[in-house]
Amino acid sequence: MGAPKQKWTSEEEGALRAGVEKYGSGKWQTILKDPEFAVCLASRSNVDLKDKWRNLMSVTAGGQGSKTPRVKSIAAVPLSSVSPLSPTAPAAGMLVKSEATIPSADIVIYSPKSISASARNHSPRCDYDDMILEALTALRDPNGIDVTTIASFMEERHQLPPSFRRTLGSKLKRLVSQEKIIRIRNSYKLKDMAEPRAAVLGPRNSADGLKQLWYNPMDAASLETINQASMAAAMKMAEADAMAASAEEAAREAEYDTRLAEEADIFLKAVSEVFGQFSPPDDADGFSL
């Protein structure tokens, strides 16, 4: 035994009617591939669309079914009381009443074209776009809203089929391509969310016609304090640089003095060695020619 068939919802019927109005009867595969109807008809096959459309047409022709207007049953009318058709007889689509034999019965005839046009006006594509924009508006975040949060918000507010999460990403990408929303990494936000500004212009003053200016987030006193602190820091840095330069110069002078002392010591040792070589021996005092 196969799986039980799911009952058709009003959104699915509306998508089917709009698809037939757009592509014609028999183009079931084309209707299923159209992104405008693929969301609501994701759980339906070609055979399901064909059978459902046949049922809708039989309901429209025979006046049966629960989702389309019914033709109310009327009492039998004797042939003797039926008058021949006249040129002024009401045409199809008009309300027909007979006070003699049908005291309260109304017959209203609808054409498939009018039904399809009405279903197209309630296309699920526009509904999903409005739901996404509603979620982004309610969950305003400068850093953007992730897909999971958007889907959870939509499920809390609306009755949605289980398959809508699979197509939510494509809906968001289409809105990004239409420049209605902005994508930030894996998050989305509305395009018209303005960034905060440091200064804003207020309304015109009726007295002198000048615009008022508010400084945000700091006032003139705070700016003056910051300027003074910056100048003091710059002076400290200049003094530190001067001290570092003086210390470097002193280090160079000390290194030069050390090198001179080493050279003098080496010279003194060399002179002592030379003097020792040319000095007379100790017993030379008693030698005579």
C-alpha atoms as a PDB file:
ATOM      1  CA  MET A   1       0.000   0.000   0.000  1.00  0.00           C
ATOM      2  CA  GLY A   2       1.358   3.397  -0.976  1.00  0.00           C
ATOM      3  CA  ALA A   3       1.654   6.435   1.237  1.00  0.00           C
ATOM      4  CA  PRO A   4      -1.639   8.313   1.810  1.00  0.00           C
ATOM      5  CA  LYS A   5      -2.078  11.395  -0.332  1.00  0.00           C
ATOM      6  CA  GLN A   6      -1.871  14.764   1.383  1.00  0.00           C
ATOM      7  CA  LYS A   7      -4.886  17.019   1.230  1.00  0.00           C
ATOM      8  CA  TRP A   8      -4.492  19.962  -1.105  1.00  0.00           C
ATOM      9  CA  THR A   9      -4.236  23.311   0.620  1.00  0.00           C
ATOM     10  CA  SER A  10      -5.628  26.580  -0.649  1.00  0.00           C
ATOM     11  CA  GLU A  11      -2.091  27.853  -1.381  1.00  0.00           C
ATOM     12  CA  GLU A  12      -1.338  24.798  -3.521  1.00  0.00           C
ATOM     13  CA  GLU A  13      -4.590  25.173  -5.454  1.00  0.00           C
ATOM     14  CA  GLY A  14      -3.873  28.854  -6.000  1.00  0.00           C
ATOM     15  CA  ALA A  15      -0.370  28.076  -7.296  1.00  0.00           C
ATOM     16  CA  LEU A  16      -1.785  25.400  -9.638  1.00  0.00           C
ATOM     17  CA  ARG A  17      -4.420  27.767 -11.046  1.00  0.00           C
ATOM     18  CA  ALA A  18      -1.842  30.539 -11.535  1.00  0.00           C
ATOM     19  CA  GLY A  19       0.540  28.105 -13.245  1.00  0.00           C
ATOM     20  CA  VAL A  20      -2.139  26.899 -15.685  1.00  0.00           C
ATOM     21  CA  GLU A  21      -3.071  30.505 -16.401  1.00  0.00           C
ATOM     22  CA  LYS A  22       0.596  31.292 -17.142  1.00  0.00           C
ATOM     23  CA  TYR A  23       1.642  28.199 -19.135  1.00  0.00           C
ATOM     24  CA  GLY A  24      -1.616  26.464 -20.050  1.00  0.00           C
ATOM     25  CA  SER A  25      -3.028  23.040 -19.185  1.00  0.00           C
ATOM     26  CA  GLY A  26      -0.663  20.091 -19.593  1.00  0.00           C
ATOM     27  CA  LYS A  27       2.603  21.977 -18.839  1.00  0.00           C
ATOM     28  CA  TRP A  28       2.901  20.340 -15.425  1.00  0.00           C
ATOM     29  CA  GLN A  29       6.694  19.910 -15.455  1.00  0.00           C
ATOM     30  CA  THR A  30       7.170  23.535 -16.488  1.00  0.00           C
ATOM     31  CA  ILE A  31       4.907  24.699 -13.669  1.00  0.00           C
ATOM     32  CA  LEU A  32       6.843  22.643 -11.116  1.00  0.00           C
ATOM     33  CA  LYS A  33      10.168  24.120 -12.292  1.00  0.00           C
ATOM     34  CA  ASP A  34       8.941  27.726 -12.120  1.00  0.00           C
ATOM     35  CA  PRO A  35      10.378  29.345  -8.941  1.00  0.00           C
ATOM     36  CA  GLU A  36       7.112  31.235  -8.531  1.00  0.00           C
ATOM     37  CA  PHE A  37       5.153  28.006  -7.911  1.00  0.00           C
ATOM     38  CA  ALA A  38       7.887  25.544  -6.852  1.00  0.00           C
ATOM     39  CA  VAL A  39       7.620  26.518  -3.187  1.00  0.00           C
ATOM     40  CA  CYS A  40       3.974  25.530  -2.743  1.00  0.00           C
ATOM     41  CA  LEU A  41       4.082  22.577  -5.182  1.00  0.00           C
ATOM     42  CA  ALA A  42       7.336  21.048  -3.899  1.00  0.00           C
ATOM     43  CA  SER A  43       5.527  17.948  -2.550  1.00  0.00           C
ATOM     44  CA  ARG A  44       3.441  17.419  -5.722  1.00  0.00           C
ATOM     45  CA  SER A  45       4.253  15.472  -8.907  1.00  0.00           C
ATOM     46  CA  ASN A  46       3.106  15.803 -12.506  1.00  0.00           C
ATOM     47  CA  VAL A  47       0.377  13.208 -11.934  1.00  0.00           C
ATOM     48  CA  ASP A  48      -0.855  15.049  -8.835  1.00  0.00           C
ATOM     49  CA  LEU A  49      -1.157  18.311 -10.767  1.00  0.00           C
ATOM     50  CA  LYS A  50      -2.920  16.594 -13.664  1.00  0.00           C
ATOM     51  CA  ASP A  51      -5.459  14.805 -11.409  1.00  0.00           C
ATOM     52  CA  LYS A  52      -6.099  17.907  -9.313  1.00  0.00           C
ATOM     53  CA  TRP A  53      -6.686  20.082 -12.384  1.00  0.00           C
ATOM     54  CA  ARG A  54      -9.116  17.499 -13.800  1.00  0.00           C
ATOM     55  CA  ASN A  55     -11.016  17.553 -10.504  1.00  0.00           C
ATOM     56  CA  LEU A  56     -11.100  21.346 -10.473  1.00  0.00           C
ATOM     57  CA  MET A  57     -12.441  21.465 -13.998  1.00  0.00           C
ATOM     58  CA  SER A  58     -15.112  18.880 -13.219  1.00  0.00           C
ATOM     59  CA  VAL A  59     -16.085  20.823 -10.106  1.00  0.00           C
ATOM     60  CA  THR A  60     -16.287  24.042 -12.116  1.00  0.00           C
ATOM     61  CA  ALA A  61     -18.437  22.390 -14.786  1.00  0.00           C
ATOM     62  CA  GLY A  62     -20.650  20.276 -12.494  1.00  0.00           C
ATOM     63  CA  GLY A  63     -20.848  22.560  -9.479  1.00  0.00           C
ATOM     64  CA  GLN A  64     -19.350  20.087  -6.957  1.00  0.00           C
ATOM     65  CA  GLY A  65     -16.434  20.365  -4.583  1.00  0.00           C
ATOM     66  CA  SER A  66     -15.600  22.241  -1.429  1.00  0.00           C
ATOM     67  CA  LYS A  67     -13.046  24.773  -2.690  1.00  0.00           C
ATOM     68  CA  THR A  68     -15.012  26.296  -5.585  1.00  0.00           C
ATOM     69  CA  PRO A  69     -18.437  27.985  -5.695  1.00  0.00           C
ATOM     70  CA  ARG A  70     -21.324  25.582  -5.915  1.00  0.00           C
ATOM     71  CA  VAL A  71     -24.377  25.824  -8.088  1.00  0.00           C
ATOM     72  CA  LYS A  72     -27.307  25.520  -5.729  1.00  0.00           C
ATOM     73  CA  SER A  73     -29.816  22.833  -6.457  1.00  0.00           C
ATOM     74  CA  ILE A  74     -33.085  24.025  -7.895  1.00  0.00           C
ATOM     75  CA  ALA A  75     -36.537  22.510  -7.905  1.00  0.00           C
ATOM     76  CA  ALA A  76     -37.945  20.862 -10.991  1.00  0.00           C
ATOM     77  CA  VAL A  77     -39.687  23.317 -13.286  1.00  0.00           C
ATOM     78  CA  PRO A  78     -42.736  22.149 -15.320  1.00  0.00           C
ATOM     79  CA  LEU A  79     -42.256  22.378 -19.059  1.00  0.00           C
ATOM     80  CA  SER A  80     -45.451  24.396 -19.407  1.00  0.00           C
ATOM     81  CA  SER A  81     -44.024  27.134 -17.205  1.00  0.00           C
ATOM     82  CA  VAL A  82     -40.769  27.453 -19.131  1.00  0.00           C
ATOM     83  CA  SER A  83     -40.858  30.319 -21.598  1.00  0.00           C
ATOM     84  CA  PRO A  84     -38.849  30.224 -24.823  1.00  0.00           C
ATOM     85  CA  LEU A  85     -35.511  32.020 -24.948  1.00  0.00           C
ATOM     86  CA  SER A  86     -35.762  35.663 -25.889  1.00  0.00           C
ATOM     87  CA  PRO A  87     -33.124  37.992 -27.296  1.00  0.00           C
ATOM     88  CA  THR A  88     -33.033  39.734 -23.939  1.00  0.00           C
ATOM     89  CA  ALA A  89     -32.340  36.544 -21.980  1.00  0.00           C
ATOM     90  CA  PRO A  90     -29.518  36.940 -19.409  1.00  0.00           C
ATOM     91  CA  ALA A  91     -26.104  35.766 -20.578  1.00  0.00           C
ATOM     92  CA  ALA A  92     -23.669  33.471 -18.766  1.00  0.00           C
ATOM     93  CA  GLY A  93     -22.140  34.958 -15.648  1.00  0.00           C
ATOM     94  CA  MET A  94     -25.350  36.884 -14.664  1.00  0.00           C
ATOM     95  CA  LEU A  95     -27.622  36.117 -11.756  1.00  0.00           C
ATOM     96  CA  VAL A  96     -30.775  34.168 -12.771  1.00  0.00           C
ATOM     97  CA  LYS A  97     -33.875  34.112 -10.565  1.00  0.00           C
ATOM     98  CA  SER A  98     -37.384  32.785 -11.019  1.00  0.00           C
ATOM     99  CA  GLU A  99     -39.937  33.947  -8.501  1.00  0.00           C
ATOM    100  CA  ALA A 100     -42.581  31.465  -9.636  1.00  0.00           C
ATOM    101  CA  THR A 101     -40.763  28.160  -9.251  1.00  0.00           C
ATOM    102  CA  ILE A 102     -37.371  29.052  -7.680  1.00  0.00           C
ATOM    103  CA  PRO A 103     -38.115  31.292  -4.732  1.00  0.00           C
ATOM    104  CA  SER A 104     -34.586  31.293  -3.195  1.00  0.00           C
ATOM    105  CA  ALA A 105     -32.227  29.550  -5.634  1.00  0.00           C
ATOM    106  CA  ASP A 106     -29.318  31.484  -7.181  1.00  0.00           C
ATOM    107  CA  ILE A 107     -27.232  30.295 -10.111  1.00  0.00           C
ATOM    108  CA  VAL A 108     -23.829  31.937 -10.529  1.00  0.00           C
ATOM    109  CA  ILE A 109     -21.549  30.771 -13.335  1.00  0.00           C
ATOM    110  CA  TYR A 110     -17.795  31.346 -13.066  1.00  0.00           C
ATOM    111  CA  SER A 111     -15.390  31.020 -15.935  1.00  0.00           C
ATOM    112  CA  PRO A 112     -12.011  29.254 -15.462  1.00  0.00           C
ATOM    113  CA  LYS A 113     -10.246  32.385 -16.672  1.00  0.00           C
ATOM    114  CA  SER A 114     -11.630  34.534 -13.860  1.00  0.00           C
ATOM    115  CA  ILE A 115     -10.743  31.882 -11.287  1.00  0.00           C
ATOM    116  CA  SER A 116      -7.166  31.634 -12.575  1.00  0.00           C
ATOM    117  CA  ALA A 117      -6.769  35.416 -12.525  1.00  0.00           C
ATOM    118  CA  SER A 118      -7.971  35.514  -8.928  1.00  0.00           C
ATOM    119  CA  ALA A 119      -5.549  32.753  -7.955  1.00  0.00           C
ATOM    120  CA  ARG A 120      -2.671  34.578  -9.644  1.00  0.00           C
ATOM    121  CA  ASN A 121      -3.365  37.679  -7.548  1.00  0.00           C
ATOM    122  CA  HIS A 122      -2.754  35.539  -4.463  1.00  0.00           C
ATOM    123  CA  SER A 123       0.497  34.046  -5.735  1.00  0.00           C
ATOM    124  CA  PRO A 124       2.627  32.528  -2.905  1.00  0.00           C
ATOM    125  CA  ARG A 125       5.714  34.221  -4.302  1.00  0.00           C
ATOM    126  CA  CYS A 126       4.600  37.656  -3.154  1.00  0.00           C
ATOM    127  CA  ASP A 127       3.486  36.231   0.178  1.00  0.00           C
ATOM    128  CA  TYR A 128       6.927  34.760   0.894  1.00  0.00           C
ATOM    129  CA  ASP A 129       8.675  37.995  -0.074  1.00  0.00           C
ATOM    130  CA  ASP A 130       6.406  39.952   2.266  1.00  0.00           C
ATOM    131  CA  MET A 131       7.054  37.456   5.081  1.00  0.00           C
ATOM    132  CA  ILE A 132      10.823  37.773   4.650  1.00  0.00           C
ATOM    133  CA  LEU A 133      10.674  41.569   4.643  1.00  0.00           C
ATOM    134  CA  GLU A 134       8.393  41.442   7.693  1.00  0.00           C
ATOM    135  CA  ALA A 135      10.923  39.275   9.559  1.00  0.00           C
ATOM    136  CA  LEU A 136      13.859  41.554   8.689  1.00  0.00           C
ATOM    137  CA  THR A 137      11.849  44.611   9.724  1.00  0.00           C
ATOM    138  CA  ALA A 138      10.823  43.136  13.074  1.00  0.00           C
ATOM    139  CA  LEU A 139      14.300  41.719  13.816  1.00  0.00           C
ATOM    140  CA  ARG A 140      16.278  44.802  12.804  1.00  0.00           C
ATOM    141  CA  ASP A 141      19.977  44.198  13.394  1.00  0.00           C
ATOM    142  CA  PRO A 142      22.825  46.219  11.841  1.00  0.00           C
ATOM    143  CA  ASN A 143      24.882  43.027  11.619  1.00  0.00           C
ATOM    144  CA  GLY A 144      22.124  41.141   9.763  1.00  0.00           C
ATOM    145  CA  ILE A 145      19.823  38.176  10.550  1.00  0.00           C
ATOM    146  CA  ASP A 146      20.781  34.566   9.773  1.00  0.00           C
ATOM    147  CA  VAL A 147      18.563  32.223   7.753  1.00  0.00           C
ATOM    148  CA  THR A 148      17.589  30.051  10.739  1.00  0.00           C
ATOM    149  CA  THR A 149      16.287  33.024  12.719  1.00  0.00           C
ATOM    150  CA  ILE A 150      14.303  34.283   9.727  1.00  0.00           C
ATOM    151  CA  ALA A 151      12.727  30.849   9.185  1.00  0.00           C
ATOM    152  CA  SER A 152      11.815  30.507  12.874  1.00  0.00           C
ATOM    153  CA  PHE A 153      10.164  33.932  12.875  1.00  0.00           C
ATOM    154  CA  MET A 154       8.114  33.072   9.771  1.00  0.00           C
ATOM    155  CA  GLU A 155       6.994  29.752  11.276  1.00  0.00           C
ATOM    156  CA  GLU A 156       5.822  31.478  14.446  1.00  0.00           C
ATOM    157  CA  ARG A 157       3.751  34.051  12.554  1.00  0.00           C
ATOM    158  CA  HIS A 158       2.365  32.045   9.615  1.00  0.00           C
ATOM    159  CA  GLN A 159       1.174  28.574   8.624  1.00  0.00           C
ATOM    160  CA  LEU A 160       3.869  27.312   6.241  1.00  0.00           C
ATOM    161  CA  PRO A 161       4.497  23.935   4.571  1.00  0.00           C
ATOM    162  CA  PRO A 162       7.480  21.899   5.829  1.00  0.00           C
ATOM    163  CA  SER A 163       9.253  22.299   2.485  1.00  0.00           C
ATOM    164  CA  PHE A 164       9.545  26.076   2.636  1.00  0.00           C
ATOM    165  CA  ARG A 165      12.931  25.961   4.435  1.00  0.00           C
ATOM    166  CA  ARG A 166      14.523  24.276   1.407  1.00  0.00           C
ATOM    167  CA  THR A 167      13.620  27.202  -0.849  1.00  0.00           C
ATOM    168  CA  LEU A 168      14.121  30.028   1.651  1.00  0.00           C
ATOM    169  CA  GLY A 169      17.750  30.484   0.583  1.00  0.00           C
ATOM    170  CA  SER A 170      16.783  30.955  -3.069  1.00  0.00           C
ATOM    171  CA  LYS A 171      14.110  33.482  -2.059  1.00  0.00           C
ATOM    172  CA  LEU A 172      16.681  35.484  -0.104  1.00  0.00           C
ATOM    173  CA  LYS A 173      19.141  35.418  -3.018  1.00  0.00           C
ATOM    174  CA  ARG A 174      16.444  36.703  -5.378  1.00  0.00           C
ATOM    175  CA  LEU A 175      15.652  39.595  -3.037  1.00  0.00           C
ATOM    176  CA  VAL A 176      19.381  40.396  -2.879  1.00  0.00           C
ATOM    177  CA  SER A 177      19.570  40.424  -6.689  1.00  0.00           C
ATOM    178  CA  GLN A 178      16.550  42.733  -6.737  1.00  0.00           C
ATOM    179  CA  GLU A 179      18.452  45.051  -4.311  1.00  0.00           C
ATOM    180  CA  LYS A 180      15.654  44.879  -1.742  1.00  0.00           C
ATOM    181  CA  ILE A 181      17.910  43.416   0.975  1.00  0.00           C
ATOM    182  CA  ILE A 182      21.663  43.218   1.625  1.00  0.00           C
ATOM    183  CA  ARG A 183      23.717  40.104   2.365  1.00  0.00           C
ATOM    184  CA  ILE A 184      26.469  40.281   5.007  1.00  0.00           C
ATOM    185  CA  ARG A 185      28.393  36.985   5.008  1.00  0.00           C
ATOM    186  CA  ASN A 186      25.677  34.460   6.025  1.00  0.00           C
ATOM    187  CA  SER A 187      23.190  37.070   7.272  1.00  0.00           C
ATOM    188  CA  TYR A 188      20.733  39.472   5.668  1.00  0.00           C
ATOM    189  CA  LYS A 189      19.346  42.914   6.508  1.00  0.00           C
ATOM    190  CA  LEU A 190      17.185  45.583   4.923  1.00  0.00           C
ATOM    191  CA  LYS A 191      18.856  47.865   2.418  1.00  0.00           C
ATOM    192  CA  ASP A 192      17.372  51.065   3.866  1.00  0.00           C
ATOM    193  CA  MET A 193      18.967  50.619   7.320  1.00  0.00           C
ATOM    194  CA  ALA A 194      21.052  53.827   7.523  1.00  0.00           C
ATOM    195  CA  GLU A 195      24.315  53.900   9.418  1.00  0.00           C
ATOM    196  CA  PRO A 196      24.494  56.178  12.511  1.00  0.00           C
ATOM    197  CA  ARG A 197      25.999  59.582  11.870  1.00  0.00           C
ATOM    198  CA  ALA A 198      28.179  61.718  14.138  1.00  0.00           C
ATOM    199  CA  ALA A 199      26.210  64.880  13.467  1.00  0.00           C
ATOM    200  CA  VAL A 200      22.676  65.430  12.244  1.00  0.00           C
ATOM    201  CA  LEU A 201      20.936  68.564  11.117  1.00  0.00           C
ATOM    202  CA  GLY A 202      17.844  69.539  13.061  1.00  0.00           C
ATOM    203  CA  PRO A 203      14.685  71.306  11.848  1.00  0.00           C
ATOM    204  CA  ARG A 204      14.786  74.879  10.659  1.00  0.00           C
ATOM    205  CA  ASN A 205      14.343  77.566  13.273  1.00  0.00           C
ATOM    206  CA  SER A 206      11.293  79.641  12.436  1.00  0.00           C
ATOM    207  CA  ALA A 207      12.869  82.786  13.979  1.00  0.00           C
ATOM    208  CA  ASP A 208      16.074  83.150  12.001  1.00  0.00           C
ATOM    209  CA  GLY A 209      15.771  80.360   9.419  1.00  0.00           C
ATOM    210  CA  LEU A 210      19.071  78.772  10.536  1.00  0.00           C
ATOM    211  CA  LYS A 211      19.572  75.044  11.024  1.00  0.00           C
ATOM    212  CA  GLN A 212      20.549  73.775  14.442  1.00  0.00           C
ATOM    213  CA  LEU A 213      23.460  71.355  14.770  1.00  0.00           C
ATOM    214  CA  TRP A 214      23.707  68.704  17.484  1.00  0.00           C
ATOM    215  CA  TYR A 215      27.054  67.040  18.136  1.00  0.00           C
ATOM    216  CA  ASN A 216      26.802  63.348  18.804  1.00  0.00           C
ATOM    217  CA  PRO A 217      28.188  61.740  20.900  1.00  0.00           C
ATOM    218  CA  MET A 218      30.384  64.496  22.438  1.00  0.00           C
ATOM    219  CA  ASP A 219      30.011  68.273  22.839  1.00  0.00           C
ATOM    220  CA  ALA A 220      32.461  71.155  22.396  1.00  0.00           C
ATOM    221  CA  ALA A 221      33.839  70.911  25.965  1.00  0.00           C
ATOM    222  CA  SER A 222      34.747  67.259  25.471  1.00  0.00           C
ATOM    223  CA  LEU A 223      36.460  68.072  22.170  1.00  0.00           C
ATOM    224  CA  GLU A 224      38.518  70.827  23.859  1.00  0.00           C
ATOM    225  CA  THR A 225      39.603  68.406  26.593  1.00  0.00           C
ATOM    226  CA  ILE A 226      40.690  65.859  24.023  1.00  0.00           C
ATOM    227  CA  ASN A 227      42.667  68.500  22.108  1.00  0.00           C
ATOM    228  CA  GLN A 228      44.508  69.575  25.267  1.00  0.00           C
ATOM    229  CA  ALA A 229      45.338  65.975  26.157  1.00  0.00           C
ATOM    230  CA  SER A 230      46.636  65.389  22.640  1.00  0.00           C
ATOM    231  CA  MET A 231      48.906  68.441  22.842  1.00  0.00           C
ATOM    232  CA  ALA A 232      50.267  67.342  26.248  1.00  0.00           C
ATOM    233  CA  ALA A 233      50.974  63.858  24.923  1.00  0.00           C
ATOM    234  CA  ALA A 234      52.783  65.308  21.917  1.00  0.00           C
ATOM    235  CA  MET A 235      54.990  67.431  24.214  1.00  0.00           C
ATOM    236  CA  LYS A 236      55.839  64.424  26.371  1.00  0.00           C
ATOM    237  CA  MET A 237      56.787  62.440  23.314  1.00  0.00           C
ATOM    238  CA  ALA A 238      59.056  65.285  22.105  1.00  0.00           C
ATOM    239  CA  GLU A 239      60.798  65.430  25.500  1.00  0.00           C
ATOM    240  CA  ALA A 240      61.272  61.669  25.484  1.00  0.00           C
ATOM    241  CA  ASP A 241      62.816  61.835  22.020  1.00  0.00           C
ATOM    242  CA  ALA A 242      65.212  64.596  23.143  1.00  0.00           C
ATOM    243  CA  MET A 243      66.281  62.581  26.202  1.00  0.00           C
ATOM    244  CA  ALA A 244      66.813  59.496  24.062  1.00  0.00           C
ATOM    245  CA  ALA A 245      68.982  61.519  21.655  1.00  0.00           C
ATOM    246  CA  SER A 246      71.060  62.901  24.584  1.00  0.00           C
ATOM    247  CA  ALA A 247      71.561  59.432  26.023  1.00  0.00           C
ATOM    248  CA  GLU A 248      72.662  58.115  22.634  1.00  0.00           C
ATOM    249  CA  GLU A 249      75.195  60.967  22.284  1.00  0.00           C
ATOM    250  CA  ALA A 250      76.554  60.306  25.788  1.00  0.00           C
ATOM    251  CA  ALA A 251      76.934  56.623  24.973  1.00  0.00           C
ATOM    252  CA  ARG A 252      78.883  57.458  21.837  1.00  0.00           C
ATOM    253  CA  GLU A 253      81.212  59.802  23.796  1.00  0.00           C
ATOM    254  CA  ALA A 254      81.813  57.155  26.459  1.00  0.00           C
ATOM    255  CA  GLU A 255      82.631  54.593  23.802  1.00  0.00           C
ATOM    256  CA  TYR A 256      85.098  57.039  22.206  1.00  0.00           C
ATOM    257  CA  ASP A 257      86.829  57.721  25.550  1.00  0.00           C
ATOM    258  CA  THR A 258      87.128  53.989  26.227  1.00  0.00           C
ATOM    259  CA  ARG A 259      88.654  53.410  22.818  1.00  0.00           C
ATOM    260  CA  LEU A 260      91.199  56.233  23.416  1.00  0.00           C
ATOM    261  CA  ALA A 261      92.148  54.778  26.780  1.00  0.00           C
ATOM    262  CA  GLU A 262      92.716  51.352  25.256  1.00  0.00           C
ATOM    263  CA  GLU A 263      94.863  52.821  22.485  1.00  0.00           C
ATOM    264  CA  ALA A 264      96.925  54.825  25.022  1.00  0.00           C
ATOM    265  CA  ASP A 265      97.517  51.706  27.117  1.00  0.00           C
ATOM    266  CA  ILE A 266      98.661  49.780  24.043  1.00  0.00           C
ATOM    267  CA  PHE A 267     101.042  52.617  23.078  1.00  0.00           C
ATOM    268  CA  LEU A 268     102.484  52.749  26.596  1.00  0.00           C
ATOM    269  CA  LYS A 269     103.202  49.031  26.588  1.00  0.00           C
ATOM    270  CA  ALA A 270     104.908  49.273  23.197  1.00  0.00           C
ATOM    271  CA  VAL A 271     107.155  52.154  24.388  1.00  0.00           C
ATOM    272  CA  SER A 272     108.106  50.236  27.517  1.00  0.00           C
ATOM    273  CA  GLU A 273     109.149  47.207  25.478  1.00  0.00           C
ATOM    274  CA  VAL A 274     111.291  49.320  23.116  1.00  0.00           C
ATOM    275  CA  PHE A 275     112.933  51.172  26.007  1.00  0.00           C
ATOM    276  CA  GLY A 276     113.735  47.876  27.688  1.00  0.00           C
ATOM    277  CA  GLN A 277     115.540  46.585  24.621  1.00  0.00           C
ATOM    278  CA  PHE A 278     117.930  49.597  24.316  1.00  0.00           C
ATOM    279  CA  SER A 279     118.696  50.101  28.009  1.00  0.00           C
ATOM    280  CA  PRO A 280     122.364  49.061  29.175  1.00  0.00           C
ATOM    281  CA  PRO A 281     122.846  45.975  31.363  1.00  0.00           C
ATOM    282  CA  ASP A 282     123.485  46.299  35.104  1.00  0.00           C
ATOM    283  CA  ASP A 283     127.271  45.360  34.923  1.00  0.00           C
ATOM    284  CA  ALA A 284     128.087  47.967  32.283  1.00  0.00           C
ATOM    285  CA  ASP A 285     129.065  50.502  34.945  1.00  0.00           C
ATOM    286  CA  GLY A 286     132.573  48.905  35.485  1.00  0.00           C
ATOM    287  CA  PHE A 287     133.529  48.560  31.836  1.00  0.00           C
ATOM    288  CA  SER A 288     136.099  50.986  30.417  1.00  0.00           C
ATOM    289  CA  LEU A 289     138.000  51.392  27.147  1.00  0.00           C
END
